[in-house]
Amino acid sequence: MKLNFLYIIAGLLLSLVAVYFISHGSDGVLIIPVLLAAGCFSAYLVGKRTYGSSSVKHIILPLFPFAIATVIGSFAWKLLMG
């Protein structure tokens, strides 16, 4: 799967922002829908540009690495900060 370098950087920054908000308690719950919407929109644009289509497969598959990074980062942050 060919991904744009800027998309990868944006996705990692999005993951870091999600980790920050998730690790700070209930405030994180409010930002999750915004992050998901931004991630879906980014994946839509990348799918459209890379594959010439915007099917569900091309939208969801690029989100998996960033979703996994967000979950792992959140758990690591909680473990490190107590």
Protein backbone atom coordinates (compact mmCIF):
# COMPACT_ATOMS: atom_id res chain seq x y z
CA MET A 1 0.00 0.00 0.00
CA LYS A 2 1.53 3.26 -1.12
CA LEU A 3 1.05 6.02 1.44
CA ASN A 4 1.97 9.65 1.23
CA PHE A 5 4.76 10.73 3.62
CA LEU A 6 2.76 13.76 4.79
CA TYR A 7 -0.20 11.51 5.54
CA ILE A 8 2.01 9.36 7.77
CA ILE A 9 3.29 12.43 9.65
CA ALA A 10 -0.25 13.80 10.02
CA GLY A 11 -1.50 10.43 11.24
CA LEU A 12 1.24 10.15 13.84
CA LEU A 13 0.55 13.68 15.07
CA LEU A 14 -3.14 12.81 15.26
CA SER A 15 -2.22 9.73 17.29
CA LEU A 16 -0.11 11.82 19.67
CA VAL A 17 -2.95 14.29 20.16
CA ALA A 18 -5.34 11.40 20.82
CA VAL A 19 -2.92 9.88 23.35
CA TYR A 20 -2.66 13.22 25.15
CA PHE A 21 -6.41 13.71 25.40
CA ILE A 22 -7.22 10.09 26.22
CA SER A 23 -4.62 10.06 28.99
CA HIS A 24 -6.09 13.18 30.60
CA GLY A 25 -9.32 11.55 31.69
CA SER A 26 -12.84 12.40 30.64
CA ASP A 27 -11.79 15.36 28.49
CA GLY A 28 -10.37 12.82 26.05
CA VAL A 29 -13.81 11.38 25.36
CA LEU A 30 -14.90 14.64 23.76
CA ILE A 31 -12.03 14.79 21.27
CA ILE A 32 -12.26 11.17 20.03
CA PRO A 33 -15.09 11.78 17.51
CA VAL A 34 -13.20 14.78 16.10
CA LEU A 35 -10.02 12.72 15.70
CA LEU A 36 -11.92 9.85 14.09
CA ALA A 37 -13.59 12.23 11.65
CA ALA A 38 -10.25 13.83 10.76
CA GLY A 39 -8.64 10.41 10.33
CA CYS A 40 -11.47 9.18 8.10
CA PHE A 41 -11.30 12.32 5.99
CA SER A 42 -7.51 11.97 5.62
CA ALA A 43 -7.87 8.31 4.68
CA TYR A 44 -10.60 9.21 2.19
CA LEU A 45 -8.32 11.73 0.49
CA VAL A 46 -5.38 9.31 0.43
CA GLY A 47 -7.57 6.52 -0.95
CA LYS A 48 -8.94 8.82 -3.61
CA ARG A 49 -5.48 10.03 -4.60
CA THR A 50 -3.65 6.69 -4.40
CA TYR A 51 -6.24 4.30 -5.76
CA GLY A 52 -8.54 6.60 -7.72
CA SER A 53 -11.45 5.41 -5.61
CA SER A 54 -12.83 5.99 -2.15
CA SER A 55 -14.19 2.55 -1.31
CA VAL A 56 -14.57 1.47 2.30
CA LYS A 57 -11.48 -0.75 2.05
CA HIS A 58 -9.33 2.21 0.99
CA ILE A 59 -10.69 4.36 3.81
CA ILE A 60 -10.46 1.88 6.69
CA LEU A 61 -7.17 0.07 5.96
CA PRO A 62 -4.90 3.16 6.25
CA LEU A 63 -6.45 3.97 9.66
CA PHE A 64 -5.35 0.71 11.32
CA PRO A 65 -1.69 1.64 11.98
CA PHE A 66 -2.68 4.94 13.57
CA ALA A 67 -5.47 3.40 15.62
CA ILE A 68 -3.06 0.77 16.94
CA ALA A 69 -0.42 3.43 17.68
CA THR A 70 -3.03 5.47 19.56
CA VAL A 71 -4.14 2.54 21.72
CA ILE A 72 -0.59 1.42 22.52
CA GLY A 73 0.49 5.00 23.21
CA SER A 74 -2.46 5.56 25.55
CA PHE A 75 -1.69 2.46 27.59
CA ALA A 76 2.02 3.30 27.69
CA TRP A 77 1.26 6.86 28.81
CA LYS A 78 -1.05 5.63 31.58
CA LEU A 79 1.55 3.10 32.76
CA LEU A 80 4.37 5.67 32.75
CA MET A 81 2.36 8.41 34.46
CA GLY A 82 0.69 6.10 36.95
